[in-house]
C-alpha cells in the first residue's frame, strides 16, 4: 500500500511543473492557460501512477500510458484554428503535448522526476526566450497591428481577409477587443506586409470596406 505522501508528492510536482509551462500561455492570453496545463499534467501523472500500480498476469501497464499519448492529441487539436490562410494555436497545442509528457514522466517513476523538471525548464525557456526573438523578427518582417471598428450586425472578418489576401498581406492573427461604442465590434489584426505594399495602401483599402467604421494602425 502506498502512503499518503507517495500519492500526494508526484501529483503536487506534476501540478507545479504544469503551472510553469501554463504560466507563459496564460500571460499571453492563449486559450489553454494555467488551469488547463495544471490539470493536464496532474491527469497524465495520475494515469502514469495507475499504470505502475497495475499488477497481474493479464495486465499491460504500458497500455494506459500509450492511450494518454494518443488522447492528448484531441485536446491539442481543439486549440488549433485555421483563419484566413494562416494557422493559429500550434504552439499551444505543442505545449499541451509536452505538458502531458512531463506529467506522465512524473507519475511513472521517481527516477524520471529530474527528466521532467529539465524538460519543464526547457519548455518554459523555449516559450519565453523564443517569443522575444520572434518579436525582434516581427519588426524585421514589417509586422504591424491594425485596429478595425466595424458594425456589430454585419460580418466583417471575411471581407477583410479577402481584401488583405488580394494584396498578398499575411494575416498573422485576429483578436476581438472590448469596445465602448454600442452596436460595434473592435478587432486587432496582426499583419505581415510584403515589401511592395505600403502601410498607407492597406489602410486605404480596408477603410473602403462598407462594414468598417474606423481603421487605424496601432
N, C-alpha and C. Protein backbone atom coordinates (compact mmCIF):
# COMPACT_ATOMS: atom_id res chain seq x y z
N UNK A 1 0.84 -1.19 0.00
CA UNK A 1 0.00 0.00 0.00
C UNK A 1 0.87 1.25 0.00
N UNK A 2 0.55 2.17 -0.86
CA UNK A 2 1.30 3.42 -0.93
C UNK A 2 0.85 4.34 0.20
N UNK A 3 1.82 5.06 0.74
CA UNK A 3 1.50 6.04 1.78
C UNK A 3 0.85 7.26 1.14
N UNK A 4 0.23 8.06 1.99
CA UNK A 4 -0.42 9.28 1.50
C UNK A 4 0.58 10.18 0.79
N UNK A 5 1.79 10.31 1.34
CA UNK A 5 2.81 11.17 0.74
C UNK A 5 3.27 10.63 -0.61
N UNK A 6 3.34 9.30 -0.73
CA UNK A 6 3.74 8.70 -2.00
C UNK A 6 2.74 9.04 -3.11
N UNK A 7 1.49 9.21 -2.73
CA UNK A 7 0.46 9.57 -3.71
C UNK A 7 0.46 11.08 -3.96
N UNK A 8 0.60 11.85 -2.88
CA UNK A 8 0.48 13.30 -2.98
C UNK A 8 1.67 13.95 -3.68
N UNK A 9 2.88 13.49 -3.36
CA UNK A 9 4.09 14.18 -3.87
C UNK A 9 4.17 14.20 -5.39
N UNK A 10 3.94 13.10 -6.12
CA UNK A 10 4.02 13.20 -7.57
C UNK A 10 2.90 14.06 -8.17
N UNK A 11 1.73 14.03 -7.55
CA UNK A 11 0.64 14.86 -8.06
C UNK A 11 0.94 16.35 -7.88
N UNK A 12 1.49 16.70 -6.72
CA UNK A 12 1.86 18.10 -6.48
C UNK A 12 2.97 18.55 -7.42
N UNK A 13 3.97 17.69 -7.62
CA UNK A 13 5.05 18.04 -8.54
C UNK A 13 4.52 18.22 -9.95
N UNK A 14 3.63 17.33 -10.38
CA UNK A 14 3.05 17.44 -11.71
C UNK A 14 2.27 18.74 -11.86
N UNK A 15 1.52 19.13 -10.83
CA UNK A 15 0.78 20.40 -10.86
C UNK A 15 1.74 21.58 -10.97
N UNK A 16 2.83 21.53 -10.21
CA UNK A 16 3.80 22.62 -10.23
C UNK A 16 4.45 22.76 -11.60
N UNK A 17 4.87 21.65 -12.17
CA UNK A 17 5.53 21.70 -13.48
C UNK A 17 4.54 22.12 -14.57
N UNK A 18 3.32 21.65 -14.48
CA UNK A 18 2.30 22.09 -15.44
C UNK A 18 2.03 23.57 -15.33
N UNK A 19 2.06 24.10 -14.11
CA UNK A 19 1.84 25.53 -13.89
C UNK A 19 2.96 26.37 -14.51
N UNK A 20 4.18 25.87 -14.45
CA UNK A 20 5.32 26.61 -15.02
C UNK A 20 5.14 26.77 -16.52
N UNK A 21 4.75 25.70 -17.21
CA UNK A 21 4.54 25.77 -18.65
C UNK A 21 3.30 26.61 -18.96
N UNK A 22 2.23 26.41 -18.19
CA UNK A 22 0.98 27.12 -18.46
C UNK A 22 1.04 28.59 -18.15
N UNK A 23 1.96 29.01 -17.28
CA UNK A 23 2.05 30.42 -16.92
C UNK A 23 2.32 31.30 -18.12
N UNK A 24 3.25 30.89 -18.97
CA UNK A 24 3.58 31.69 -20.15
C UNK A 24 2.39 31.77 -21.10
N UNK A 25 1.67 30.67 -21.28
CA UNK A 25 0.48 30.67 -22.14
C UNK A 25 -0.61 31.58 -21.57
N UNK A 26 -0.74 31.58 -20.23
CA UNK A 26 -1.75 32.42 -19.57
C UNK A 26 -1.43 33.90 -19.75
N UNK A 27 -0.17 34.25 -19.60
CA UNK A 27 0.24 35.66 -19.72
C UNK A 27 0.00 36.21 -21.12
N UNK A 28 0.02 35.33 -22.11
CA UNK A 28 -0.20 35.77 -23.49
C UNK A 28 -1.63 35.53 -23.96
N UNK A 29 -2.52 35.22 -23.01
CA UNK A 29 -3.94 35.12 -23.32
C UNK A 29 -4.31 33.99 -24.25
N UNK A 30 -3.59 32.89 -24.19
CA UNK A 30 -3.88 31.76 -25.07
C UNK A 30 -5.08 30.96 -24.55
N UNK A 31 -5.78 30.24 -25.43
CA UNK A 31 -7.00 29.53 -25.00
C UNK A 31 -6.75 28.46 -23.94
N UNK A 32 -5.58 27.84 -23.96
CA UNK A 32 -5.22 26.86 -22.93
C UNK A 32 -4.17 27.50 -22.03
N UNK A 33 -4.58 27.90 -20.84
CA UNK A 33 -3.67 28.63 -19.97
C UNK A 33 -3.24 27.85 -18.75
N UNK A 34 -3.19 28.55 -17.63
CA UNK A 34 -2.63 27.99 -16.40
C UNK A 34 -3.42 26.78 -15.91
N UNK A 35 -4.73 26.93 -15.77
CA UNK A 35 -5.55 25.83 -15.24
C UNK A 35 -5.51 24.61 -16.14
N UNK A 36 -5.57 24.85 -17.45
CA UNK A 36 -5.57 23.72 -18.39
C UNK A 36 -4.28 22.92 -18.27
N UNK A 37 -3.15 23.60 -18.23
CA UNK A 37 -1.86 22.89 -18.16
C UNK A 37 -1.68 22.17 -16.82
N UNK A 38 -2.17 22.78 -15.74
CA UNK A 38 -2.07 22.12 -14.43
C UNK A 38 -2.88 20.82 -14.43
N UNK A 39 -4.12 20.91 -14.91
CA UNK A 39 -4.97 19.72 -14.92
C UNK A 39 -4.44 18.65 -15.86
N UNK A 40 -3.91 19.06 -17.01
CA UNK A 40 -3.33 18.09 -17.95
C UNK A 40 -2.15 17.35 -17.32
N UNK A 41 -1.26 18.10 -16.70
CA UNK A 41 -0.08 17.48 -16.10
C UNK A 41 -0.47 16.56 -14.96
N UNK A 42 -1.39 17.01 -14.10
CA UNK A 42 -1.82 16.18 -12.98
C UNK A 42 -2.55 14.93 -13.48
N UNK A 43 -3.43 15.09 -14.47
CA UNK A 43 -4.15 13.94 -15.00
C UNK A 43 -3.22 12.92 -15.63
N UNK A 44 -2.23 13.41 -16.39
CA UNK A 44 -1.27 12.49 -17.00
C UNK A 44 -0.45 11.77 -15.93
N UNK A 45 -0.08 12.50 -14.86
CA UNK A 45 0.66 11.86 -13.77
C UNK A 45 -0.18 10.79 -13.08
N UNK A 46 -1.46 11.06 -12.89
CA UNK A 46 -2.34 10.09 -12.26
C UNK A 46 -2.47 8.83 -13.12
N UNK A 47 -2.61 9.03 -14.43
CA UNK A 47 -2.64 7.87 -15.33
C UNK A 47 -1.35 7.07 -15.23
N UNK A 48 -0.21 7.77 -15.14
CA UNK A 48 1.06 7.07 -15.00
C UNK A 48 1.14 6.28 -13.72
N UNK A 49 0.64 6.85 -12.62
CA UNK A 49 0.67 6.16 -11.33
C UNK A 49 -0.24 4.93 -11.36
N UNK A 50 -1.39 5.06 -12.00
CA UNK A 50 -2.29 3.91 -12.13
C UNK A 50 -1.64 2.80 -12.95
N UNK A 51 -0.92 3.21 -14.03
CA UNK A 51 -0.24 2.22 -14.87
C UNK A 51 0.77 1.43 -14.07
N UNK A 52 1.56 2.15 -13.26
CA UNK A 52 2.59 1.48 -12.45
C UNK A 52 1.93 0.56 -11.42
N UNK A 53 0.78 0.97 -10.90
CA UNK A 53 0.12 0.19 -9.86
C UNK A 53 -0.60 -1.04 -10.36
N UNK A 54 -0.77 -1.17 -11.68
CA UNK A 54 -1.46 -2.34 -12.22
C UNK A 54 -0.57 -3.58 -12.10
N UNK A 55 -1.13 -4.62 -11.57
CA UNK A 55 -0.39 -5.87 -11.42
C UNK A 55 -1.27 -7.03 -11.85
N UNK A 56 -0.62 -8.07 -12.33
CA UNK A 56 -1.37 -9.25 -12.74
C UNK A 56 -0.82 -9.80 -14.04
N UNK A 57 -1.06 -11.06 -14.27
CA UNK A 57 -0.52 -11.73 -15.45
C UNK A 57 -1.14 -11.23 -16.74
N UNK A 58 -2.39 -10.79 -16.66
CA UNK A 58 -3.11 -10.40 -17.87
C UNK A 58 -3.21 -8.89 -18.05
N UNK A 59 -2.40 -8.14 -17.35
CA UNK A 59 -2.44 -6.68 -17.45
C UNK A 59 -1.17 -6.17 -18.12
N UNK A 60 -1.32 -5.05 -18.85
CA UNK A 60 -0.19 -4.42 -19.52
C UNK A 60 -0.16 -2.95 -19.10
N UNK A 61 0.74 -2.59 -18.17
CA UNK A 61 0.78 -1.22 -17.66
C UNK A 61 1.05 -0.17 -18.74
N UNK A 62 1.68 -0.56 -19.82
CA UNK A 62 2.03 0.42 -20.85
C UNK A 62 0.81 0.87 -21.67
N UNK A 63 -0.28 0.14 -21.60
CA UNK A 63 -1.44 0.47 -22.42
C UNK A 63 -2.06 1.80 -22.02
N UNK A 64 -2.14 2.07 -20.72
CA UNK A 64 -2.72 3.33 -20.25
C UNK A 64 -1.85 4.50 -20.70
N UNK A 65 -0.54 4.38 -20.51
CA UNK A 65 0.36 5.45 -20.92
C UNK A 65 0.26 5.71 -22.42
N UNK A 66 0.14 4.65 -23.21
CA UNK A 66 0.02 4.81 -24.66
C UNK A 66 -1.26 5.54 -25.03
N UNK A 67 -2.34 5.27 -24.33
CA UNK A 67 -3.60 5.95 -24.60
C UNK A 67 -3.56 7.42 -24.21
N UNK A 68 -2.77 7.77 -23.20
CA UNK A 68 -2.60 9.17 -22.84
C UNK A 68 -1.93 9.92 -23.98
N UNK A 69 -0.90 9.33 -24.54
CA UNK A 69 -0.19 9.96 -25.65
C UNK A 69 -1.13 10.18 -26.84
N UNK A 70 -1.98 9.19 -27.12
CA UNK A 70 -2.92 9.32 -28.22
C UNK A 70 -4.03 10.31 -27.90
N UNK A 71 -4.60 10.20 -26.71
CA UNK A 71 -5.76 11.03 -26.36
C UNK A 71 -5.45 12.50 -26.22
N UNK A 72 -4.23 12.82 -25.82
CA UNK A 72 -3.89 14.24 -25.62
C UNK A 72 -3.92 15.00 -26.93
N UNK A 73 -3.79 14.28 -28.04
CA UNK A 73 -3.85 14.94 -29.35
C UNK A 73 -5.19 15.57 -29.62
N UNK A 74 -6.27 15.01 -29.09
CA UNK A 74 -7.60 15.58 -29.31
C UNK A 74 -7.74 16.92 -28.60
N UNK A 75 -7.16 17.04 -27.42
CA UNK A 75 -7.21 18.32 -26.70
C UNK A 75 -6.37 19.36 -27.43
N UNK A 76 -5.18 18.96 -27.86
CA UNK A 76 -4.32 19.89 -28.59
C UNK A 76 -4.96 20.37 -29.89
N UNK A 77 -5.66 19.46 -30.57
CA UNK A 77 -6.30 19.83 -31.83
C UNK A 77 -7.38 20.88 -31.63
N UNK A 78 -7.99 20.88 -30.45
CA UNK A 78 -9.03 21.86 -30.17
C UNK A 78 -8.53 23.28 -30.04
N UNK A 79 -7.21 23.46 -29.86
CA UNK A 79 -6.65 24.81 -29.73
C UNK A 79 -6.15 25.36 -31.07
N UNK A 80 -6.18 24.54 -32.12
CA UNK A 80 -5.67 24.96 -33.42
C UNK A 80 -6.80 25.55 -34.25
N UNK A 81 -6.57 26.73 -34.78
CA UNK A 81 -7.58 27.45 -35.56
C UNK A 81 -7.00 27.79 -36.92
N UNK A 82 -7.76 27.50 -37.97
CA UNK A 82 -7.38 27.90 -39.33
C UNK A 82 -8.16 29.15 -39.68
N UNK A 83 -7.44 30.25 -39.95
CA UNK A 83 -8.10 31.52 -40.19
C UNK A 83 -7.40 32.28 -41.30
N UNK A 84 -8.13 32.51 -42.37
CA UNK A 84 -7.61 33.36 -43.44
C UNK A 84 -6.30 32.89 -44.03
N UNK A 85 -6.14 31.59 -44.21
CA UNK A 85 -4.92 31.08 -44.80
C UNK A 85 -3.79 30.90 -43.81
N UNK A 86 -4.01 31.24 -42.55
CA UNK A 86 -3.00 31.04 -41.52
C UNK A 86 -3.51 30.07 -40.47
N UNK A 87 -2.59 29.47 -39.74
CA UNK A 87 -2.94 28.51 -38.70
C UNK A 87 -2.47 29.06 -37.36
N UNK A 88 -3.39 29.12 -36.40
CA UNK A 88 -3.08 29.63 -35.07
C UNK A 88 -3.25 28.52 -34.04
N UNK A 89 -2.48 28.57 -32.97
CA UNK A 89 -2.65 27.64 -31.87
C UNK A 89 -1.71 26.45 -31.88
N UNK A 90 -0.80 26.39 -32.85
CA UNK A 90 0.11 25.25 -32.91
C UNK A 90 1.05 25.22 -31.70
N UNK A 91 1.51 26.40 -31.27
CA UNK A 91 2.41 26.44 -30.11
C UNK A 91 1.70 25.98 -28.85
N UNK A 92 0.45 26.42 -28.67
CA UNK A 92 -0.32 25.99 -27.51
C UNK A 92 -0.57 24.49 -27.55
N UNK A 93 -0.88 23.96 -28.73
CA UNK A 93 -1.08 22.51 -28.87
C UNK A 93 0.20 21.77 -28.52
N UNK A 94 1.34 22.29 -28.95
CA UNK A 94 2.62 21.65 -28.63
C UNK A 94 2.92 21.72 -27.13
N UNK A 95 2.58 22.84 -26.50
CA UNK A 95 2.81 22.96 -25.06
C UNK A 95 1.93 21.99 -24.28
N UNK A 96 0.70 21.76 -24.76
CA UNK A 96 -0.19 20.79 -24.14
C UNK A 96 0.41 19.38 -24.25
N UNK A 97 0.89 19.06 -25.43
CA UNK A 97 1.50 17.75 -25.66
C UNK A 97 2.72 17.55 -24.76
N UNK A 98 3.57 18.59 -24.67
CA UNK A 98 4.77 18.50 -23.83
C UNK A 98 4.40 18.39 -22.35
N UNK A 99 3.39 19.14 -21.93
CA UNK A 99 2.97 19.10 -20.53
C UNK A 99 2.44 17.72 -20.14
N UNK A 100 1.70 17.10 -21.04
CA UNK A 100 1.21 15.74 -20.77
C UNK A 100 2.38 14.77 -20.62
N UNK A 101 3.39 14.92 -21.46
CA UNK A 101 4.58 14.06 -21.36
C UNK A 101 5.30 14.27 -20.03
N UNK A 102 5.37 15.53 -19.60
CA UNK A 102 6.03 15.84 -18.32
C UNK A 102 5.26 15.21 -17.17
N UNK A 103 3.93 15.37 -17.16
CA UNK A 103 3.12 14.79 -16.11
C UNK A 103 3.20 13.28 -16.09
N UNK A 104 3.21 12.68 -17.26
CA UNK A 104 3.30 11.22 -17.35
C UNK A 104 4.63 10.72 -16.79
N UNK A 105 5.71 11.44 -17.10
CA UNK A 105 7.02 11.06 -16.59
C UNK A 105 7.05 11.12 -15.06
N UNK A 106 6.42 12.15 -14.49
CA UNK A 106 6.37 12.27 -13.03
C UNK A 106 5.60 11.10 -12.43
N UNK A 107 4.49 10.72 -13.05
CA UNK A 107 3.65 9.67 -12.49
C UNK A 107 4.20 8.28 -12.63
N UNK A 108 5.02 8.04 -13.65
CA UNK A 108 5.50 6.68 -13.89
C UNK A 108 6.52 6.22 -12.86
N UNK A 109 7.49 7.08 -12.55
CA UNK A 109 8.52 6.64 -11.59
C UNK A 109 9.31 7.84 -11.11
N UNK A 110 9.78 7.78 -9.86
CA UNK A 110 10.56 8.88 -9.28
C UNK A 110 11.87 9.11 -10.04
N UNK A 111 12.40 8.07 -10.66
CA UNK A 111 13.67 8.24 -11.37
C UNK A 111 13.52 9.16 -12.58
N UNK A 112 12.29 9.41 -13.01
CA UNK A 112 12.05 10.29 -14.14
C UNK A 112 11.78 11.74 -13.73
N UNK A 113 11.79 12.01 -12.44
CA UNK A 113 11.45 13.36 -11.97
C UNK A 113 12.46 14.40 -12.45
N UNK A 114 13.74 14.07 -12.38
CA UNK A 114 14.75 15.02 -12.86
C UNK A 114 14.55 15.29 -14.34
N UNK A 115 14.25 14.25 -15.09
CA UNK A 115 13.99 14.40 -16.52
C UNK A 115 12.80 15.33 -16.76
N UNK A 116 11.75 15.18 -15.96
CA UNK A 116 10.56 16.01 -16.10
C UNK A 116 10.85 17.46 -15.76
N UNK A 117 11.64 17.69 -14.71
CA UNK A 117 11.99 19.06 -14.32
C UNK A 117 12.83 19.73 -15.40
N UNK A 118 13.80 19.01 -15.94
CA UNK A 118 14.64 19.58 -17.01
C UNK A 118 13.79 19.89 -18.24
N UNK A 119 12.88 18.98 -18.58
CA UNK A 119 12.01 19.22 -19.74
C UNK A 119 11.12 20.44 -19.51
N UNK A 120 10.66 20.64 -18.28
CA UNK A 120 9.84 21.81 -17.96
C UNK A 120 10.63 23.10 -18.14
N UNK A 121 11.85 23.12 -17.65
CA UNK A 121 12.68 24.32 -17.80
C UNK A 121 12.95 24.62 -19.27
N UNK A 122 13.23 23.59 -20.06
CA UNK A 122 13.47 23.79 -21.49
C UNK A 122 12.21 24.32 -22.17
N UNK A 123 11.05 23.75 -21.81
CA UNK A 123 9.80 24.21 -22.42
C UNK A 123 9.51 25.66 -22.05
N UNK A 124 9.73 26.02 -20.79
CA UNK A 124 9.47 27.39 -20.35
C UNK A 124 10.42 28.37 -21.05
N UNK A 125 11.70 28.03 -21.13
CA UNK A 125 12.65 28.91 -21.79
C UNK A 125 12.35 29.04 -23.28
N UNK A 126 11.90 27.94 -23.88
CA UNK A 126 11.55 28.00 -25.30
C UNK A 126 10.38 28.95 -25.53
N UNK A 127 9.37 28.88 -24.69
CA UNK A 127 8.19 29.72 -24.85
C UNK A 127 8.47 31.19 -24.57
N UNK A 128 9.38 31.46 -23.63
CA UNK A 128 9.63 32.85 -23.24
C UNK A 128 10.72 33.50 -24.10
N UNK A 129 11.90 32.87 -24.18
CA UNK A 129 13.01 33.48 -24.90
C UNK A 129 12.76 33.50 -26.40
N UNK A 130 12.21 32.42 -26.93
CA UNK A 130 11.94 32.40 -28.36
C UNK A 130 10.86 33.40 -28.72
N UNK A 131 9.94 33.66 -27.78
CA UNK A 131 8.91 34.68 -28.01
C UNK A 131 9.56 36.05 -28.20
N UNK A 132 10.59 36.35 -27.40
CA UNK A 132 11.31 37.61 -27.56
C UNK A 132 12.02 37.68 -28.91
N UNK A 133 12.60 36.56 -29.32
CA UNK A 133 13.27 36.52 -30.62
C UNK A 133 12.26 36.71 -31.75
N UNK A 134 11.09 36.10 -31.60
CA UNK A 134 10.05 36.27 -32.62
C UNK A 134 9.60 37.72 -32.71
N UNK A 135 9.54 38.41 -31.54
CA UNK A 135 9.18 39.83 -31.56
C UNK A 135 10.19 40.65 -32.34
N UNK A 136 11.48 40.33 -32.20
CA UNK A 136 12.52 41.03 -32.97
C UNK A 136 12.38 40.75 -34.46
N UNK A 137 12.11 39.49 -34.80
CA UNK A 137 11.97 39.13 -36.21
C UNK A 137 10.72 39.75 -36.82
N UNK A 138 9.66 39.93 -36.00
CA UNK A 138 8.45 40.58 -36.50
C UNK A 138 8.74 41.99 -36.98
N UNK A 139 9.63 42.69 -36.29
CA UNK A 139 9.99 44.04 -36.72
C UNK A 139 10.72 44.00 -38.05
N UNK A 140 11.56 43.02 -38.23
CA UNK A 140 12.28 42.88 -39.49
C UNK A 140 11.35 42.53 -40.63
N UNK A 141 10.24 41.82 -40.34
CA UNK A 141 9.33 41.38 -41.38
C UNK A 141 8.21 42.38 -41.65
N UNK A 142 8.27 43.57 -41.04
CA UNK A 142 7.25 44.60 -41.22
C UNK A 142 5.89 44.12 -40.73
N UNK A 143 5.86 43.56 -39.55
CA UNK A 143 4.60 43.14 -38.96
C UNK A 143 3.98 44.33 -38.22
N UNK A 144 2.73 44.64 -38.54
CA UNK A 144 2.03 45.77 -37.94
C UNK A 144 0.69 45.31 -37.37
N UNK A 145 0.21 46.07 -36.39
CA UNK A 145 -1.09 45.78 -35.78
C UNK A 145 -2.12 46.78 -36.29
N UNK A 146 -3.18 46.27 -36.91
CA UNK A 146 -4.24 47.10 -37.48
C UNK A 146 -5.49 46.99 -36.62
N UNK A 147 -6.00 48.13 -36.17
CA UNK A 147 -7.21 48.15 -35.36
C UNK A 147 -8.40 48.56 -36.22
N UNK A 148 -9.45 47.74 -36.17
CA UNK A 148 -10.63 47.96 -37.02
C UNK A 148 -11.87 47.99 -36.14
N UNK A 149 -12.71 49.04 -36.34
CA UNK A 149 -14.01 49.13 -35.69
C UNK A 149 -15.07 48.94 -36.78
N UNK A 150 -15.96 47.97 -36.56
CA UNK A 150 -16.97 47.64 -37.57
C UNK A 150 -18.34 47.54 -36.93
N UNK A 151 -19.37 47.55 -37.78
CA UNK A 151 -20.74 47.42 -37.29
C UNK A 151 -20.97 46.02 -36.75
N UNK A 152 -21.65 45.94 -35.62
CA UNK A 152 -21.83 44.66 -34.94
C UNK A 152 -22.72 43.72 -35.72
N UNK A 153 -23.71 44.25 -36.44
CA UNK A 153 -24.70 43.40 -37.11
C UNK A 153 -24.28 42.95 -38.50
N UNK A 154 -23.03 43.24 -38.90
CA UNK A 154 -22.56 42.85 -40.22
C UNK A 154 -21.26 42.06 -40.11
N UNK A 155 -21.15 41.02 -40.92
CA UNK A 155 -19.91 40.23 -40.95
C UNK A 155 -18.81 41.04 -41.61
N UNK A 156 -17.67 41.15 -40.95
CA UNK A 156 -16.59 41.98 -41.49
C UNK A 156 -15.29 41.21 -41.68
N UNK A 157 -15.10 40.14 -40.91
CA UNK A 157 -13.82 39.44 -40.96
C UNK A 157 -13.56 38.83 -42.34
N UNK A 158 -14.54 38.13 -42.89
CA UNK A 158 -14.34 37.51 -44.20
C UNK A 158 -14.04 38.53 -45.30
N UNK A 159 -14.81 39.65 -45.39
CA UNK A 159 -14.45 40.66 -46.39
C UNK A 159 -13.06 41.25 -46.19
N UNK A 160 -12.66 41.45 -44.93
CA UNK A 160 -11.32 41.97 -44.66
C UNK A 160 -10.24 40.99 -45.09
N UNK A 161 -10.46 39.72 -44.80
CA UNK A 161 -9.48 38.71 -45.18
C UNK A 161 -9.36 38.61 -46.70
N UNK A 162 -10.48 38.77 -47.40
CA UNK A 162 -10.44 38.75 -48.87
C UNK A 162 -9.64 39.93 -49.41
N UNK A 163 -9.85 41.12 -48.82
CA UNK A 163 -9.11 42.31 -49.25
C UNK A 163 -7.61 42.14 -49.01
N UNK A 164 -7.27 41.67 -47.82
CA UNK A 164 -5.85 41.52 -47.48
C UNK A 164 -5.20 40.41 -48.29
N UNK A 165 -5.94 39.35 -48.55
CA UNK A 165 -5.40 38.26 -49.38
C UNK A 165 -5.11 38.74 -50.79
N UNK A 166 -5.99 39.59 -51.33
CA UNK A 166 -5.77 40.11 -52.67
C UNK A 166 -4.53 40.99 -52.74
N UNK A 167 -4.17 41.61 -51.62
CA UNK A 167 -2.97 42.46 -51.56
C UNK A 167 -1.73 41.67 -51.15
N UNK A 168 -1.88 40.35 -50.99
CA UNK A 168 -0.79 39.47 -50.57
C UNK A 168 -0.27 39.82 -49.17
N UNK A 169 -1.18 40.31 -48.32
CA UNK A 169 -0.84 40.60 -46.93
C UNK A 169 -1.14 39.37 -46.09
N UNK A 170 -0.18 38.92 -45.31
CA UNK A 170 -0.33 37.72 -44.50
C UNK A 170 -0.94 38.10 -43.15
N UNK A 171 -2.09 37.51 -42.82
CA UNK A 171 -2.76 37.76 -41.54
C UNK A 171 -2.19 36.79 -40.50
N UNK A 172 -1.46 37.34 -39.54
CA UNK A 172 -0.85 36.51 -38.50
C UNK A 172 -1.87 36.11 -37.43
N UNK A 173 -2.74 37.03 -37.06
CA UNK A 173 -3.74 36.72 -36.02
C UNK A 173 -4.86 37.75 -36.08
N UNK A 174 -6.00 37.36 -35.52
CA UNK A 174 -7.16 38.25 -35.39
C UNK A 174 -7.67 38.15 -33.96
N UNK A 175 -7.76 39.29 -33.28
CA UNK A 175 -8.25 39.30 -31.90
C UNK A 175 -9.45 40.23 -31.79
N UNK A 176 -10.43 39.83 -30.98
CA UNK A 176 -11.57 40.68 -30.68
C UNK A 176 -11.27 41.48 -29.42
N UNK A 177 -11.42 42.80 -29.50
CA UNK A 177 -11.11 43.68 -28.39
C UNK A 177 -12.39 44.26 -27.80
N UNK A 178 -12.36 44.65 -26.53
CA UNK A 178 -13.54 45.30 -25.94
C UNK A 178 -13.79 46.65 -26.61
N UNK A 179 -15.06 47.03 -26.73
CA UNK A 179 -15.42 48.29 -27.36
C UNK A 179 -16.38 49.08 -26.48
N UNK A 180 -16.28 50.40 -26.53
CA UNK A 180 -17.14 51.27 -25.74
C UNK A 180 -18.31 51.81 -26.56
N UNK A 181 -18.28 51.61 -27.86
CA UNK A 181 -19.34 52.11 -28.73
C UNK A 181 -20.41 51.03 -28.91
N UNK A 182 -21.65 51.30 -28.54
CA UNK A 182 -22.70 50.29 -28.72
C UNK A 182 -22.94 50.02 -30.20
N UNK A 183 -23.26 48.76 -30.51
CA UNK A 183 -23.55 48.39 -31.88
C UNK A 183 -22.32 48.22 -32.75
N UNK A 184 -21.14 48.12 -32.13
CA UNK A 184 -19.90 47.97 -32.90
C UNK A 184 -19.08 46.82 -32.33
N UNK A 185 -18.15 46.37 -33.15
CA UNK A 185 -17.15 45.39 -32.74
C UNK A 185 -15.77 45.95 -33.09
N UNK A 186 -14.79 45.63 -32.25
CA UNK A 186 -13.44 46.13 -32.47
C UNK A 186 -12.49 44.93 -32.60
N UNK A 187 -11.65 44.96 -33.61
CA UNK A 187 -10.73 43.87 -33.89
C UNK A 187 -9.31 44.40 -34.00
N UNK A 188 -8.37 43.54 -33.66
CA UNK A 188 -6.95 43.84 -33.88
C UNK A 188 -6.37 42.75 -34.76
N UNK A 189 -5.87 43.14 -35.92
CA UNK A 189 -5.29 42.20 -36.87
C UNK A 189 -3.79 42.40 -36.93
N UNK A 190 -3.06 41.33 -36.75
CA UNK A 190 -1.61 41.38 -36.87
C UNK A 190 -1.25 41.01 -38.31
N UNK A 191 -0.66 41.96 -39.05
CA UNK A 191 -0.44 41.79 -40.48
C UNK A 191 1.05 41.81 -40.81
N UNK A 192 1.45 40.91 -41.67
CA UNK A 192 2.81 40.86 -42.19
C UNK A 192 2.77 41.46 -43.60
N UNK A 193 3.30 42.67 -43.74
CA UNK A 193 3.19 43.39 -45.01
C UNK A 193 4.30 42.99 -45.96
N UNK A 194 3.96 42.66 -47.21
CA UNK A 194 5.01 42.41 -48.21
C UNK A 194 5.73 43.69 -48.57
N UNK A 195 6.89 43.56 -49.16
CA UNK A 195 7.74 44.72 -49.43
C UNK A 195 7.08 45.71 -50.39
N UNK A 196 6.27 45.22 -51.33
CA UNK A 196 5.72 46.12 -52.35
C UNK A 196 4.44 46.82 -51.89
N UNK A 197 3.95 46.51 -50.69
CA UNK A 197 2.71 47.11 -50.19
C UNK A 197 3.04 48.02 -49.01
N UNK A 198 2.58 49.26 -49.08
CA UNK A 198 2.82 50.21 -48.01
C UNK A 198 1.71 50.13 -46.97
N UNK A 199 2.01 50.62 -45.77
CA UNK A 199 1.01 50.63 -44.71
C UNK A 199 -0.17 51.53 -45.09
N UNK A 200 0.09 52.61 -45.80
CA UNK A 200 -0.98 53.52 -46.21
C UNK A 200 -1.92 52.86 -47.22
N UNK A 201 -1.38 52.04 -48.10
CA UNK A 201 -2.22 51.33 -49.06
C UNK A 201 -3.18 50.37 -48.36
N UNK A 202 -2.67 49.66 -47.39
CA UNK A 202 -3.52 48.73 -46.63
C UNK A 202 -4.61 49.50 -45.90
N UNK A 203 -4.25 50.61 -45.27
CA UNK A 203 -5.21 51.43 -44.54
C UNK A 203 -6.32 51.91 -45.46
N UNK A 204 -5.94 52.36 -46.66
CA UNK A 204 -6.93 52.87 -47.60
C UNK A 204 -7.89 51.81 -48.10
N UNK A 205 -7.35 50.65 -48.42
CA UNK A 205 -8.21 49.57 -48.93
C UNK A 205 -9.17 49.06 -47.87
N UNK A 206 -8.68 48.90 -46.63
CA UNK A 206 -9.54 48.42 -45.55
C UNK A 206 -10.62 49.45 -45.24
N UNK A 207 -10.28 50.74 -45.29
CA UNK A 207 -11.25 51.80 -45.00
C UNK A 207 -12.39 51.81 -46.02
N UNK A 208 -12.16 51.30 -47.22
CA UNK A 208 -13.18 51.27 -48.26
C UNK A 208 -14.23 50.17 -48.02
N UNK A 209 -13.94 49.24 -47.12
CA UNK A 209 -14.90 48.16 -46.81
C UNK A 209 -16.13 48.77 -46.16
N UNK A 210 -17.31 48.47 -46.68
CA UNK A 210 -18.54 49.14 -46.23
C UNK A 210 -18.88 48.82 -44.78
N UNK A 211 -18.42 47.69 -44.26
CA UNK A 211 -18.72 47.32 -42.87
C UNK A 211 -17.85 48.06 -41.86
N UNK A 212 -16.77 48.67 -42.35
CA UNK A 212 -15.79 49.29 -41.46
C UNK A 212 -16.20 50.72 -41.12
N UNK A 213 -16.18 51.04 -39.83
CA UNK A 213 -16.47 52.39 -39.37
C UNK A 213 -15.18 53.19 -39.17
N UNK A 214 -14.18 52.54 -38.60
CA UNK A 214 -12.92 53.21 -38.30
C UNK A 214 -11.78 52.22 -38.43
N UNK A 215 -10.65 52.67 -38.93
CA UNK A 215 -9.48 51.81 -39.06
C UNK A 215 -8.24 52.63 -38.81
N UNK A 216 -7.27 52.07 -38.09
CA UNK A 216 -6.03 52.78 -37.81
C UNK A 216 -4.95 51.78 -37.44
N UNK A 217 -3.71 52.20 -37.61
CA UNK A 217 -2.59 51.38 -37.17
C UNK A 217 -2.36 51.58 -35.70
N UNK A 218 -2.16 50.50 -34.98
CA UNK A 218 -1.94 50.58 -33.53
C UNK A 218 -0.53 51.09 -33.26
